[in-house]
Amino acid sequence: FAALSYCWGTGSQTQLRSHTFETLTQHLELSDLPQTIKDAIIVTRSLSIPYLWVDALCIIQDDQEDKLREIGFMARIYSMAYVTILASSAADAADGFLQRCPTDRSPSVQIPFRISLDQFGSATARIGDFSGHAARQDNPLSQRAWALQEQMMANRLLLYTPSTLEWRCAAGVMSLDQALSMDWKYNPMPMLVSQLAESQEEALEQWLWIVNDYSRRAMAKTTDKLPAIAALAETFASVLGEYHAGIWQHGFVQQLAWKISEWIRGRRSDVYRAPSWSWASIDGDVDFGSTDKTCCTLVSVESVPKNEHVPYGEVAQGATTL
């Protein structure tokens, strides 16, 4: 099956709900679906993939128990999908993403070269943006908090932007224009979990980078702060161990050195979602400071999940002693 990562937007769309469950599971009219989902179906069929997973149609949206259960499955859903389709350019489900790309995407130059003593040729070089243009932080999907783990949990990504199409997997990254860097540190497109470091120190560095990116994204429900990154936390736990409301017990003191960007005014959540020592307790762009000088040590830390079936999701309480 394929999975779709997209922006819902503000418009209404067909959703799986308690009162539509029987109707939608028996018959689904293609004409009733928003354009982005229609386009994803076209892509899925063209790849000869029989099934497409879409959150709006595969999770009962007004059933909290079903939502919690599916959130617990997110890591498996996106990691087991054959490919995840990213509708990067669509700000709303009604927008669609299969618009025709411009033929002249970037300027090109002719470079002459010598083949032999008496033979000459020329090559066309396109002047592209090697910063990963499809993954820049100016596309609508890169502003959506949930989309970060949907993108990172995938084995393969197919990104549709207004100007090009990109493919990403563990073997490499390719666009219609060029090959892109695979180094997650210098590529603004988030790494895939398949690139998860094996050492705790490197994995923790990756996690801090993820939180930095994630905290700059928007979400409709502020209580989703921890659930929307739970699949990534579940995966990182295999290397980093115990997890407490967004912070790992390994390197705990180092992670307490977070701050809100000086250019952004942070706002404490009106509804409790994490202890005050966690970055997840506040809305704002999170940066991590240097902790070369350790002024304290961890004595104990604990957190209690709201739902035992979603151990990396919302927390009921947390406490630490330093």
Foldseek 3Di string as FASTA:
>chain_A
DEEEQEAAADDDADAAAPVCPVVVVVDDDLVRGAQAVNQVVVVCVVVVHDDYDYCRHPAHPVDPVSVLLVLLCLLVVQLVHPEYEYLQADLHSNPHFPDDADPCLADWDWAKDAPDPPDIDIDIAGDDDQLAVLQDCPTNSLQALLSLCSVQSHQKYWYGHNHWIWIDHPVFIDIPRGGYDQPQVRHSHHHHLVPQDQAQVSNVVSLLVSLLSNLNHDDPDLLFLQSSCLSVVVSSCVRQPDDALSAGPVCRQQQLQKDADPVDDKAADPDDFHPPSDPSRIRHRIDGDDPPDPPDDWDDKDWAAPDPSRVRHTTPYIDTDD
